[in-house]
Amino acid sequence: MSAQPDGPYGPLIPMPELTPDALRAAVARIAPSRIPALTQHLFEATTNAQQTQSLAPLRAFVHSWAVFVATERHPERAARLRELERIVGEGEQDPAEAIAEIREIRESAEAEAGL
């Protein structure tokens, strides 16, 4: 089964630029309750980047939040992902199909974000 279409209204917001500020603004619009998690992740990524003298932690931050925004800007896709994660988390049925669909959703979100 593939990711569900948007329906007649399309995504809630356009895909933002892949910068911390643009991703923060997008998260503030579509999932404001996640701003503390984004802020904490950015702080940790910045600290780790400075300590390791590597951009890898910041790249991981951008990747993670770009996929989040690409998913959450499509309410049906986001709801389906949460349902699939619930199915896998409960462990009451074979998770293979749910895991495959989660992978499809993430790959679709990565492509949409240009990652």
PDB file of N, CA and C in Angstrom:
ATOM      1  N   MET A   1       0.852  -1.184   0.000  1.00  0.00           N
ATOM      2  CA  MET A   1       0.000   0.000   0.000  1.00  0.00           C
ATOM      3  C   MET A   1       0.890   1.236   0.000  1.00  0.00           C
ATOM      4  N   SER A   2       0.545   2.267  -0.766  1.00  0.00           N
ATOM      5  CA  SER A   2       1.380   3.468  -0.819  1.00  0.00           C
ATOM      6  C   SER A   2       0.791   4.593  -0.002  1.00  0.00           C
ATOM      7  N   ALA A   3       1.604   5.638   0.122  1.00  0.00           N
ATOM      8  CA  ALA A   3       1.182   6.822   0.865  1.00  0.00           C
ATOM      9  C   ALA A   3      -0.096   7.378   0.254  1.00  0.00           C
ATOM     10  N   GLN A   4      -0.951   7.886   1.102  1.00  0.00           N
ATOM     11  CA  GLN A   4      -2.230   8.404   0.644  1.00  0.00           C
ATOM     12  C   GLN A   4      -2.067   9.767  -0.021  1.00  0.00           C
ATOM     13  N   PRO A   5      -2.916  10.064  -1.014  1.00  0.00           N
ATOM     14  CA  PRO A   5      -2.848  11.371  -1.657  1.00  0.00           C
ATOM     15  C   PRO A   5      -3.364  12.469  -0.738  1.00  0.00           C
ATOM     16  N   ASP A   6      -3.104  13.704  -1.137  1.00  0.00           N
ATOM     17  CA  ASP A   6      -3.519  14.850  -0.340  1.00  0.00           C
ATOM     18  C   ASP A   6      -5.006  15.128  -0.406  1.00  0.00           C
ATOM     19  N   GLY A   7      -5.648  14.725  -1.475  1.00  0.00           N
ATOM     20  CA  GLY A   7      -7.028  15.119  -1.672  1.00  0.00           C
ATOM     21  C   GLY A   7      -7.072  16.454  -2.397  1.00  0.00           C
ATOM     22  N   PRO A   8      -8.210  17.129  -2.385  1.00  0.00           N
ATOM     23  CA  PRO A   8      -8.378  18.323  -3.210  1.00  0.00           C
ATOM     24  C   PRO A   8      -7.598  19.543  -2.728  1.00  0.00           C
ATOM     25  N   TYR A   9      -7.108  19.528  -1.511  1.00  0.00           N
ATOM     26  CA  TYR A   9      -6.529  20.751  -0.965  1.00  0.00           C
ATOM     27  C   TYR A   9      -5.015  20.803  -0.999  1.00  0.00           C
ATOM     28  N   GLY A  10      -4.364  19.685  -1.246  1.00  0.00           N
ATOM     29  CA  GLY A  10      -2.904  19.678  -1.292  1.00  0.00           C
ATOM     30  C   GLY A  10      -2.287  19.832   0.082  1.00  0.00           C
ATOM     31  N   PRO A  11      -0.973  20.041   0.116  1.00  0.00           N
ATOM     32  CA  PRO A  11      -0.279  20.160   1.398  1.00  0.00           C
ATOM     33  C   PRO A  11      -0.691  21.429   2.148  1.00  0.00           C
ATOM     34  N   LEU A  12      -0.539  21.380   3.463  1.00  0.00           N
ATOM     35  CA  LEU A  12      -0.892  22.525   4.313  1.00  0.00           C
ATOM     36  C   LEU A  12      -0.029  23.743   4.025  1.00  0.00           C
ATOM     37  N   ILE A  13       1.254  23.505   3.773  1.00  0.00           N
ATOM     38  CA  ILE A  13       2.211  24.586   3.506  1.00  0.00           C
ATOM     39  C   ILE A  13       3.156  24.129   2.407  1.00  0.00           C
ATOM     40  N   PRO A  14       3.814  25.061   1.722  1.00  0.00           N
ATOM     41  CA  PRO A  14       4.848  24.649   0.767  1.00  0.00           C
ATOM     42  C   PRO A  14       6.051  24.063   1.514  1.00  0.00           C
ATOM     43  N   MET A  15       6.819  23.246   0.830  1.00  0.00           N
ATOM     44  CA  MET A  15       8.032  22.705   1.439  1.00  0.00           C
ATOM     45  C   MET A  15       9.012  23.858   1.634  1.00  0.00           C
ATOM     46  N   PRO A  16       9.484  24.061   2.872  1.00  0.00           N
ATOM     47  CA  PRO A  16      10.400  25.182   3.124  1.00  0.00           C
ATOM     48  C   PRO A  16      11.816  24.879   2.651  1.00  0.00           C
ATOM     49  N   GLU A  17      12.643  25.925   2.670  1.00  0.00           N
ATOM     50  CA  GLU A  17      14.071  25.733   2.435  1.00  0.00           C
ATOM     51  C   GLU A  17      14.625  24.856   3.548  1.00  0.00           C
ATOM     52  N   LEU A  18      15.718  24.197   3.276  1.00  0.00           N
ATOM     53  CA  LEU A  18      16.312  23.292   4.258  1.00  0.00           C
ATOM     54  C   LEU A  18      17.333  24.031   5.112  1.00  0.00           C
ATOM     55  N   THR A  19      16.838  25.003   5.869  1.00  0.00           N
ATOM     56  CA  THR A  19      17.653  25.738   6.830  1.00  0.00           C
ATOM     57  C   THR A  19      16.972  25.618   8.186  1.00  0.00           C
ATOM     58  N   PRO A  20      17.737  25.721   9.272  1.00  0.00           N
ATOM     59  CA  PRO A  20      17.102  25.642  10.592  1.00  0.00           C
ATOM     60  C   PRO A  20      15.977  26.655  10.776  1.00  0.00           C
ATOM     61  N   ASP A  21      16.177  27.903  10.342  1.00  0.00           N
ATOM     62  CA  ASP A  21      15.137  28.923  10.527  1.00  0.00           C
ATOM     63  C   ASP A  21      13.872  28.606   9.732  1.00  0.00           C
ATOM     64  N   ALA A  22      14.041  28.182   8.478  1.00  0.00           N
ATOM     65  CA  ALA A  22      12.877  27.866   7.650  1.00  0.00           C
ATOM     66  C   ALA A  22      12.148  26.634   8.179  1.00  0.00           C
ATOM     67  N   LEU A  23      12.901  25.639   8.624  1.00  0.00           N
ATOM     68  CA  LEU A  23      12.267  24.441   9.182  1.00  0.00           C
ATOM     69  C   LEU A  23      11.538  24.775  10.482  1.00  0.00           C
ATOM     70  N   ARG A  24      12.132  25.627  11.316  1.00  0.00           N
ATOM     71  CA  ARG A  24      11.477  26.035  12.565  1.00  0.00           C
ATOM     72  C   ARG A  24      10.158  26.758  12.267  1.00  0.00           C
ATOM     73  N   ALA A  25      10.178  27.661  11.289  1.00  0.00           N
ATOM     74  CA  ALA A  25       8.953  28.387  10.922  1.00  0.00           C
ATOM     75  C   ALA A  25       7.886  27.425  10.413  1.00  0.00           C
ATOM     76  N   ALA A  26       8.292  26.435   9.631  1.00  0.00           N
ATOM     77  CA  ALA A  26       7.334  25.451   9.122  1.00  0.00           C
ATOM     78  C   ALA A  26       6.756  24.620  10.259  1.00  0.00           C
ATOM     79  N   VAL A  27       7.597  24.171  11.172  1.00  0.00           N
ATOM     80  CA  VAL A  27       7.126  23.377  12.311  1.00  0.00           C
ATOM     81  C   VAL A  27       6.186  24.222  13.172  1.00  0.00           C
ATOM     82  N   ALA A  28       6.502  25.497  13.344  1.00  0.00           N
ATOM     83  CA  ALA A  28       5.635  26.380  14.128  1.00  0.00           C
ATOM     84  C   ALA A  28       4.239  26.458  13.513  1.00  0.00           C
ATOM     85  N   ARG A  29       4.142  26.362  12.204  1.00  0.00           N
ATOM     86  CA  ARG A  29       2.847  26.444  11.532  1.00  0.00           C
ATOM     87  C   ARG A  29       2.080  25.129  11.563  1.00  0.00           C
ATOM     88  N   ILE A  30       2.764  24.003  11.367  1.00  0.00           N
ATOM     89  CA  ILE A  30       2.047  22.738  11.204  1.00  0.00           C
ATOM     90  C   ILE A  30       2.052  21.838  12.435  1.00  0.00           C
ATOM     91  N   ALA A  31       2.990  22.059  13.349  1.00  0.00           N
ATOM     92  CA  ALA A  31       3.079  21.211  14.549  1.00  0.00           C
ATOM     93  C   ALA A  31       3.736  21.996  15.679  1.00  0.00           C
ATOM     94  N   PRO A  32       3.091  23.092  16.134  1.00  0.00           N
ATOM     95  CA  PRO A  32       3.740  23.961  17.133  1.00  0.00           C
ATOM     96  C   PRO A  32       4.161  23.238  18.407  1.00  0.00           C
ATOM     97  N   SER A  33       3.497  22.152  18.750  1.00  0.00           N
ATOM     98  CA  SER A  33       3.873  21.421  19.964  1.00  0.00           C
ATOM     99  C   SER A  33       5.255  20.779  19.838  1.00  0.00           C
ATOM    100  N   ARG A  34       5.790  20.684  18.625  1.00  0.00           N
ATOM    101  CA  ARG A  34       7.103  20.067  18.410  1.00  0.00           C
ATOM    102  C   ARG A  34       8.261  21.059  18.447  1.00  0.00           C
ATOM    103  N   ILE A  35       7.966  22.362  18.600  1.00  0.00           N
ATOM    104  CA  ILE A  35       9.028  23.372  18.644  1.00  0.00           C
ATOM    105  C   ILE A  35      10.042  23.091  19.757  1.00  0.00           C
ATOM    106  N   PRO A  36       9.626  22.727  20.974  1.00  0.00           N
ATOM    107  CA  PRO A  36      10.640  22.426  22.001  1.00  0.00           C
ATOM    108  C   PRO A  36      11.587  21.291  21.573  1.00  0.00           C
ATOM    109  N   ALA A  37      11.058  20.256  20.933  1.00  0.00           N
ATOM    110  CA  ALA A  37      11.911  19.150  20.481  1.00  0.00           C
ATOM    111  C   ALA A  37      12.868  19.618  19.398  1.00  0.00           C
ATOM    112  N   LEU A  38      12.377  20.434  18.461  1.00  0.00           N
ATOM    113  CA  LEU A  38      13.237  20.975  17.412  1.00  0.00           C
ATOM    114  C   LEU A  38      14.330  21.837  18.020  1.00  0.00           C
ATOM    115  N   THR A  39      13.966  22.698  18.952  1.00  0.00           N
ATOM    116  CA  THR A  39      14.943  23.589  19.585  1.00  0.00           C
ATOM    117  C   THR A  39      16.011  22.787  20.319  1.00  0.00           C
ATOM    118  N   GLN A  40      15.597  21.761  21.052  1.00  0.00           N
ATOM    119  CA  GLN A  40      16.550  20.907  21.770  1.00  0.00           C
ATOM    120  C   GLN A  40      17.467  20.179  20.792  1.00  0.00           C
ATOM    121  N   HIS A  41      16.894  19.642  19.721  1.00  0.00           N
ATOM    122  CA  HIS A  41      17.691  18.925  18.730  1.00  0.00           C
ATOM    123  C   HIS A  41      18.705  19.869  18.070  1.00  0.00           C
ATOM    124  N   LEU A  42      18.279  21.090  17.752  1.00  0.00           N
ATOM    125  CA  LEU A  42      19.186  22.065  17.137  1.00  0.00           C
ATOM    126  C   LEU A  42      20.317  22.432  18.091  1.00  0.00           C
ATOM    127  N   PHE A  43      19.990  22.634  19.365  1.00  0.00           N
ATOM    128  CA  PHE A  43      21.020  22.943  20.368  1.00  0.00           C
ATOM    129  C   PHE A  43      22.039  21.808  20.441  1.00  0.00           C
ATOM    130  N   GLU A  44      21.545  20.569  20.517  1.00  0.00           N
ATOM    131  CA  GLU A  44      22.442  19.408  20.595  1.00  0.00           C
ATOM    132  C   GLU A  44      23.272  19.269  19.325  1.00  0.00           C
ATOM    133  N   ALA A  45      22.653  19.487  18.162  1.00  0.00           N
ATOM    134  CA  ALA A  45      23.380  19.370  16.894  1.00  0.00           C
ATOM    135  C   ALA A  45      24.469  20.430  16.792  1.00  0.00           C
ATOM    136  N   THR A  46      24.145  21.646  17.213  1.00  0.00           N
ATOM    137  CA  THR A  46      25.124  22.732  17.169  1.00  0.00           C
ATOM    138  C   THR A  46      26.291  22.444  18.110  1.00  0.00           C
ATOM    139  N   THR A  47      25.972  22.017  19.315  1.00  0.00           N
ATOM    140  CA  THR A  47      27.007  21.679  20.300  1.00  0.00           C
ATOM    141  C   THR A  47      27.899  20.555  19.772  1.00  0.00           C
ATOM    142  N   ASN A  48      27.278  19.492  19.243  1.00  0.00           N
ATOM    143  CA  ASN A  48      28.053  18.364  18.717  1.00  0.00           C
ATOM    144  C   ASN A  48      28.903  18.785  17.518  1.00  0.00           C
ATOM    145  N   ALA A  49      28.350  19.643  16.661  1.00  0.00           N
ATOM    146  CA  ALA A  49      29.111  20.121  15.497  1.00  0.00           C
ATOM    147  C   ALA A  49      30.349  20.888  15.945  1.00  0.00           C
ATOM    148  N   GLN A  50      30.192  21.724  16.978  1.00  0.00           N
ATOM    149  CA  GLN A  50      31.329  22.483  17.487  1.00  0.00           C
ATOM    150  C   GLN A  50      32.358  21.564  18.125  1.00  0.00           C
ATOM    151  N   GLN A  51      31.890  20.596  18.913  1.00  0.00           N
ATOM    152  CA  GLN A  51      32.811  19.701  19.606  1.00  0.00           C
ATOM    153  C   GLN A  51      33.571  18.801  18.645  1.00  0.00           C
ATOM    154  N   THR A  52      32.891  18.350  17.613  1.00  0.00           N
ATOM    155  CA  THR A  52      33.524  17.420  16.675  1.00  0.00           C
ATOM    156  C   THR A  52      34.123  18.118  15.461  1.00  0.00           C
ATOM    157  N   GLN A  53      33.884  19.420  15.364  1.00  0.00           N
ATOM    158  CA  GLN A  53      34.327  20.210  14.207  1.00  0.00           C
ATOM    159  C   GLN A  53      33.872  19.548  12.910  1.00  0.00           C
ATOM    160  N   SER A  54      32.577  19.174  12.904  1.00  0.00           N
ATOM    161  CA  SER A  54      31.984  18.491  11.764  1.00  0.00           C
ATOM    162  C   SER A  54      30.580  19.041  11.530  1.00  0.00           C
ATOM    163  N   LEU A  55      30.198  19.126  10.285  1.00  0.00           N
ATOM    164  CA  LEU A  55      28.837  19.559   9.956  1.00  0.00           C
ATOM    165  C   LEU A  55      27.836  18.406   9.997  1.00  0.00           C
ATOM    166  N   ALA A  56      28.310  17.193  10.202  1.00  0.00           N
ATOM    167  CA  ALA A  56      27.425  16.024  10.186  1.00  0.00           C
ATOM    168  C   ALA A  56      26.243  16.154  11.158  1.00  0.00           C
ATOM    169  N   PRO A  57      26.440  16.615  12.402  1.00  0.00           N
ATOM    170  CA  PRO A  57      25.279  16.740  13.299  1.00  0.00           C
ATOM    171  C   PRO A  57      24.228  17.731  12.773  1.00  0.00           C
ATOM    172  N   LEU A  58      24.680  18.807  12.145  1.00  0.00           N
ATOM    173  CA  LEU A  58      23.735  19.781  11.591  1.00  0.00           C
ATOM    174  C   LEU A  58      23.037  19.222  10.362  1.00  0.00           C
ATOM    175  N   ARG A  59      23.753  18.458   9.569  1.00  0.00           N
ATOM    176  CA  ARG A  59      23.121  17.806   8.417  1.00  0.00           C
ATOM    177  C   ARG A  59      22.063  16.814   8.880  1.00  0.00           C
ATOM    178  N   ALA A  60      22.354  16.074   9.935  1.00  0.00           N
ATOM    179  CA  ALA A  60      21.384  15.116  10.473  1.00  0.00           C
ATOM    180  C   ALA A  60      20.145  15.850  11.006  1.00  0.00           C
ATOM    181  N   PHE A  61      20.360  16.990  11.664  1.00  0.00           N
ATOM    182  CA  PHE A  61      19.245  17.806  12.149  1.00  0.00           C
ATOM    183  C   PHE A  61      18.355  18.229  10.978  1.00  0.00           C
ATOM    184  N   VAL A  62      18.961  18.792   9.939  1.00  0.00           N
ATOM    185  CA  VAL A  62      18.187  19.260   8.785  1.00  0.00           C
ATOM    186  C   VAL A  62      17.450  18.093   8.130  1.00  0.00           C
ATOM    187  N   HIS A  63      18.115  16.972   7.967  1.00  0.00           N
ATOM    188  CA  HIS A  63      17.486  15.798   7.357  1.00  0.00           C
ATOM    189  C   HIS A  63      16.266  15.366   8.169  1.00  0.00           C
ATOM    190  N   SER A  64      16.457  15.205   9.452  1.00  0.00           N
ATOM    191  CA  SER A  64      15.385  14.740  10.326  1.00  0.00           C
ATOM    192  C   SER A  64      14.170  15.664  10.278  1.00  0.00           C
ATOM    193  N   TRP A  65      14.398  16.955  10.410  1.00  0.00           N
ATOM    194  CA  TRP A  65      13.279  17.894  10.461  1.00  0.00           C
ATOM    195  C   TRP A  65      12.686  18.165   9.084  1.00  0.00           C
ATOM    196  N   ALA A  66      13.474  18.041   8.029  1.00  0.00           N
ATOM    197  CA  ALA A  66      12.916  18.174   6.684  1.00  0.00           C
ATOM    198  C   ALA A  66      11.962  17.025   6.395  1.00  0.00           C
ATOM    199  N   VAL A  67      12.329  15.816   6.794  1.00  0.00           N
ATOM    200  CA  VAL A  67      11.446  14.660   6.614  1.00  0.00           C
ATOM    201  C   VAL A  67      10.187  14.836   7.466  1.00  0.00           C
ATOM    202  N   PHE A  68      10.347  15.326   8.683  1.00  0.00           N
ATOM    203  CA  PHE A  68       9.190  15.577   9.542  1.00  0.00           C
ATOM    204  C   PHE A  68       8.226  16.559   8.874  1.00  0.00           C
ATOM    205  N   VAL A  69       8.755  17.683   8.389  1.00  0.00           N
ATOM    206  CA  VAL A  69       7.903  18.701   7.756  1.00  0.00           C
ATOM    207  C   VAL A  69       7.263  18.144   6.491  1.00  0.00           C
ATOM    208  N   ALA A  70       8.044  17.446   5.670  1.00  0.00           N
ATOM    209  CA  ALA A  70       7.502  16.891   4.430  1.00  0.00           C
ATOM    210  C   ALA A  70       6.372  15.915   4.716  1.00  0.00           C
ATOM    211  N   THR A  71       6.464  15.209   5.819  1.00  0.00           N
ATOM    212  CA  THR A  71       5.404  14.272   6.209  1.00  0.00           C
ATOM    213  C   THR A  71       4.213  15.014   6.796  1.00  0.00           C
ATOM    214  N   GLU A  72       4.469  15.870   7.761  1.00  0.00           N
ATOM    215  CA  GLU A  72       3.391  16.523   8.513  1.00  0.00           C
ATOM    216  C   GLU A  72       2.605  17.554   7.704  1.00  0.00           C
ATOM    217  N   ARG A  73       3.176  18.055   6.631  1.00  0.00           N
ATOM    218  CA  ARG A  73       2.435  19.039   5.844  1.00  0.00           C
ATOM    219  C   ARG A  73       1.319  18.382   5.037  1.00  0.00           C
ATOM    220  N   HIS A  74       1.304  17.053   5.040  1.00  0.00           N
ATOM    221  CA  HIS A  74       0.233  16.261   4.426  1.00  0.00           C
ATOM    222  C   HIS A  74      -0.496  15.537   5.565  1.00  0.00           C
ATOM    223  N   PRO A  75      -1.594  16.069   6.062  1.00  0.00           N
ATOM    224  CA  PRO A  75      -2.258  15.470   7.237  1.00  0.00           C
ATOM    225  C   PRO A  75      -2.602  13.991   7.088  1.00  0.00           C
ATOM    226  N   GLU A  76      -3.039  13.581   5.910  1.00  0.00           N
ATOM    227  CA  GLU A  76      -3.393  12.168   5.719  1.00  0.00           C
ATOM    228  C   GLU A  76      -2.159  11.283   5.824  1.00  0.00           C
ATOM    229  N   ARG A  77      -1.056  11.745   5.253  1.00  0.00           N
ATOM    230  CA  ARG A  77       0.201  10.987   5.321  1.00  0.00           C
ATOM    231  C   ARG A  77       0.672  10.894   6.765  1.00  0.00           C
ATOM    232  N   ALA A  78       0.601  12.003   7.476  1.00  0.00           N
ATOM    233  CA  ALA A  78       1.051  12.022   8.874  1.00  0.00           C
ATOM    234  C   ALA A  78       0.203  11.094   9.731  1.00  0.00           C
ATOM    235  N   ALA A  79      -1.109  11.128   9.518  1.00  0.00           N
ATOM    236  CA  ALA A  79      -2.005  10.257  10.291  1.00  0.00           C
ATOM    237  C   ALA A  79      -1.722   8.786   9.988  1.00  0.00           C
ATOM    238  N   ARG A  80      -1.485   8.481   8.718  1.00  0.00           N
ATOM    239  CA  ARG A  80      -1.187   7.100   8.340  1.00  0.00           C
ATOM    240  C   ARG A  80       0.132   6.649   8.969  1.00  0.00           C
ATOM    241  N   LEU A  81       1.134   7.512   8.972  1.00  0.00           N
ATOM    242  CA  LEU A  81       2.416   7.165   9.583  1.00  0.00           C
ATOM    243  C   LEU A  81       2.237   6.869  11.071  1.00  0.00           C
ATOM    244  N   ARG A  82       1.479   7.705  11.769  1.00  0.00           N
ATOM    245  CA  ARG A  82       1.245   7.456  13.204  1.00  0.00           C
ATOM    246  C   ARG A  82       0.520   6.125  13.423  1.00  0.00           C
ATOM    247  N   GLU A  83      -0.439   5.813  12.556  1.00  0.00           N
ATOM    248  CA  GLU A  83      -1.152   4.539  12.667  1.00  0.00           C
ATOM    249  C   GLU A  83      -0.201   3.367  12.443  1.00  0.00           C
ATOM    250  N   LEU A  84       0.638   3.468  11.437  1.00  0.00           N
ATOM    251  CA  LEU A  84       1.601   2.401  11.163  1.00  0.00           C
ATOM    252  C   LEU A  84       2.586   2.238  12.314  1.00  0.00           C
ATOM    253  N   GLU A  85       3.048   3.345  12.871  1.00  0.00           N
ATOM    254  CA  GLU A  85       3.966   3.280  14.020  1.00  0.00           C
ATOM    255  C   GLU A  85       3.282   2.643  15.221  1.00  0.00           C
ATOM    256  N   ARG A  86       1.991   2.922  15.391  1.00  0.00           N
ATOM    257  CA  ARG A  86       1.233   2.298  16.481  1.00  0.00           C
ATOM    258  C   ARG A  86       1.160   0.783  16.272  1.00  0.00           C
ATOM    259  N   ILE A  87       0.893   0.365  15.033  1.00  0.00           N
ATOM    260  CA  ILE A  87       0.807  -1.067  14.716  1.00  0.00           C
ATOM    261  C   ILE A  87       2.128  -1.759  15.038  1.00  0.00           C
ATOM    262  N   VAL A  88       3.228  -1.160  14.624  1.00  0.00           N
ATOM    263  CA  VAL A  88       4.546  -1.743  14.882  1.00  0.00           C
ATOM    264  C   VAL A  88       4.834  -1.747  16.379  1.00  0.00           C
ATOM    265  N   GLY A  89       4.520  -0.651  17.054  1.00  0.00           N
ATOM    266  CA  GLY A  89       4.794  -0.531  18.483  1.00  0.00           C
ATOM    267  C   GLY A  89       4.022  -1.505  19.346  1.00  0.00           C
ATOM    268  N   GLU A  90       2.790  -1.795  18.960  1.00  0.00           N
ATOM    269  CA  GLU A  90       1.971  -2.720  19.756  1.00  0.00           C
ATOM    270  C   GLU A  90       2.458  -4.147  19.652  1.00  0.00           C
ATOM    271  N   GLY A  91       3.038  -4.500  18.504  1.00  0.00           N
ATOM    272  CA  GLY A  91       3.586  -5.842  18.335  1.00  0.00           C
ATOM    273  C   GLY A  91       2.555  -6.948  18.342  1.00  0.00           C
ATOM    274  N   GLU A  92       1.295  -6.616  18.066  1.00  0.00           N
ATOM    275  CA  GLU A  92       0.247  -7.638  18.103  1.00  0.00           C
ATOM    276  C   GLU A  92       0.045  -8.327  16.765  1.00  0.00           C
ATOM    277  N   GLN A  93       0.649  -7.784  15.713  1.00  0.00           N
ATOM    278  CA  GLN A  93       0.543  -8.414  14.401  1.00  0.00           C
ATOM    279  C   GLN A  93       1.891  -8.330  13.706  1.00  0.00           C
ATOM    280  N   ASP A  94       2.036  -9.102  12.648  1.00  0.00           N
ATOM    281  CA  ASP A  94       3.285  -9.094  11.883  1.00  0.00           C
ATOM    282  C   ASP A  94       3.512  -7.673  11.360  1.00  0.00           C
ATOM    283  N   PRO A  95       4.630  -7.066  11.740  1.00  0.00           N
ATOM    284  CA  PRO A  95       4.854  -5.673  11.364  1.00  0.00           C
ATOM    285  C   PRO A  95       5.441  -5.474   9.972  1.00  0.00           C
ATOM    286  N   ALA A  96       5.694  -6.537   9.224  1.00  0.00           N
ATOM    287  CA  ALA A  96       6.419  -6.424   7.956  1.00  0.00           C
ATOM    288  C   ALA A  96       5.754  -5.439   6.991  1.00  0.00           C
ATOM    289  N   GLU A  97       4.434  -5.562   6.803  1.00  0.00           N
ATOM    290  CA  GLU A  97       3.746  -4.659   5.872  1.00  0.00           C
ATOM    291  C   GLU A  97       3.776  -3.220   6.378  1.00  0.00           C
ATOM    292  N   ALA A  98       3.567  -3.037   7.673  1.00  0.00           N
ATOM    293  CA  ALA A  98       3.587  -1.689   8.246  1.00  0.00           C
ATOM    294  C   ALA A  98       4.970  -1.075   8.109  1.00  0.00           C
ATOM    295  N   ILE A  99       6.003  -1.852   8.355  1.00  0.00           N
ATOM    296  CA  ILE A  99       7.371  -1.345   8.233  1.00  0.00           C
ATOM    297  C   ILE A  99       7.665  -0.965   6.782  1.00  0.00           C
ATOM    298  N   ALA A 100       7.225  -1.775   5.844  1.00  0.00           N
ATOM    299  CA  ALA A 100       7.434  -1.463   4.425  1.00  0.00           C
ATOM    300  C   ALA A 100       6.721  -0.161   4.049  1.00  0.00           C
ATOM    301  N   GLU A 101       5.510   0.040   4.556  1.00  0.00           N
ATOM    302  CA  GLU A 101       4.787   1.266   4.241  1.00  0.00           C
ATOM    303  C   GLU A 101       5.418   2.476   4.926  1.00  0.00           C
ATOM    304  N   ILE A 102       5.924   2.304   6.145  1.00  0.00           N
ATOM    305  CA  ILE A 102       6.651   3.393   6.824  1.00  0.00           C
ATOM    306  C   ILE A 102       7.853   3.797   5.971  1.00  0.00           C
ATOM    307  N   ARG A 103       8.565   2.814   5.452  1.00  0.00           N
ATOM    308  CA  ARG A 103       9.725   3.084   4.602  1.00  0.00           C
ATOM    309  C   ARG A 103       9.301   3.865   3.354  1.00  0.00           C
ATOM    310  N   GLU A 104       8.185   3.474   2.740  1.00  0.00           N
ATOM    311  CA  GLU A 104       7.674   4.191   1.559  1.00  0.00           C
ATOM    312  C   GLU A 104       7.346   5.647   1.898  1.00  0.00           C
ATOM    313  N   ILE A 105       6.701   5.859   3.032  1.00  0.00           N
ATOM    314  CA  ILE A 105       6.333   7.214   3.440  1.00  0.00           C
ATOM    315  C   ILE A 105       7.594   8.045   3.662  1.00  0.00           C
ATOM    316  N   ARG A 106       8.565   7.488   4.357  1.00  0.00           N
ATOM    317  CA  ARG A 106       9.808   8.227   4.617  1.00  0.00           C
ATOM    318  C   ARG A 106      10.558   8.528   3.319  1.00  0.00           C
ATOM    319  N   GLU A 107      10.630   7.554   2.416  1.00  0.00           N
ATOM    320  CA  GLU A 107      11.314   7.777   1.142  1.00  0.00           C
ATOM    321  C   GLU A 107      10.609   8.846   0.322  1.00  0.00           C
ATOM    322  N   SER A 108       9.290   8.837   0.347  1.00  0.00           N
ATOM    323  CA  SER A 108       8.513   9.846  -0.363  1.00  0.00           C
ATOM    324  C   SER A 108       8.777  11.225   0.238  1.00  0.00           C
ATOM    325  N   ALA A 109       8.802  11.315   1.558  1.00  0.00           N
ATOM    326  CA  ALA A 109       9.069  12.582   2.241  1.00  0.00           C
ATOM    327  C   ALA A 109      10.490  13.064   1.942  1.00  0.00           C
ATOM    328  N   GLU A 110      11.463  12.154   1.930  1.00  0.00           N
ATOM    329  CA  GLU A 110      12.837  12.542   1.612  1.00  0.00           C
ATOM    330  C   GLU A 110      12.924  13.086   0.191  1.00  0.00           C
ATOM    331  N   ALA A 111      12.255  12.430  -0.740  1.00  0.00           N
ATOM    332  CA  ALA A 111      12.280  12.899  -2.134  1.00  0.00           C
ATOM    333  C   ALA A 111      11.636  14.269  -2.246  1.00  0.00           C
ATOM    334  N   GLU A 112      10.529  14.448  -1.555  1.00  0.00           N
ATOM    335  CA  GLU A 112       9.821  15.723  -1.573  1.00  0.00           C
ATOM    336  C   GLU A 112      10.689  16.843  -1.002  1.00  0.00           C
ATOM    337  N   ALA A 113      11.481  16.517   0.001  1.00  0.00           N
ATOM    338  CA  ALA A 113      12.361  17.500   0.634  1.00  0.00           C
ATOM    339  C   ALA A 113      13.648  17.717  -0.169  1.00  0.00           C
ATOM    340  N   GLY A 114      13.864  16.882  -1.169  1.00  0.00           N
ATOM    341  CA  GLY A 114      15.071  17.009  -1.979  1.00  0.00           C
ATOM    342  C   GLY A 114      16.293  16.398  -1.334  1.00  0.00           C
ATOM    343  N   LEU A 115      16.076  15.402  -0.496  1.00  0.00           N
ATOM    344  CA  LEU A 115      17.186  14.757   0.214  1.00  0.00           C
ATOM    345  C   LEU A 115      17.611  13.462  -0.475  1.00  0.00           C
TER     346      LEU A 115
END
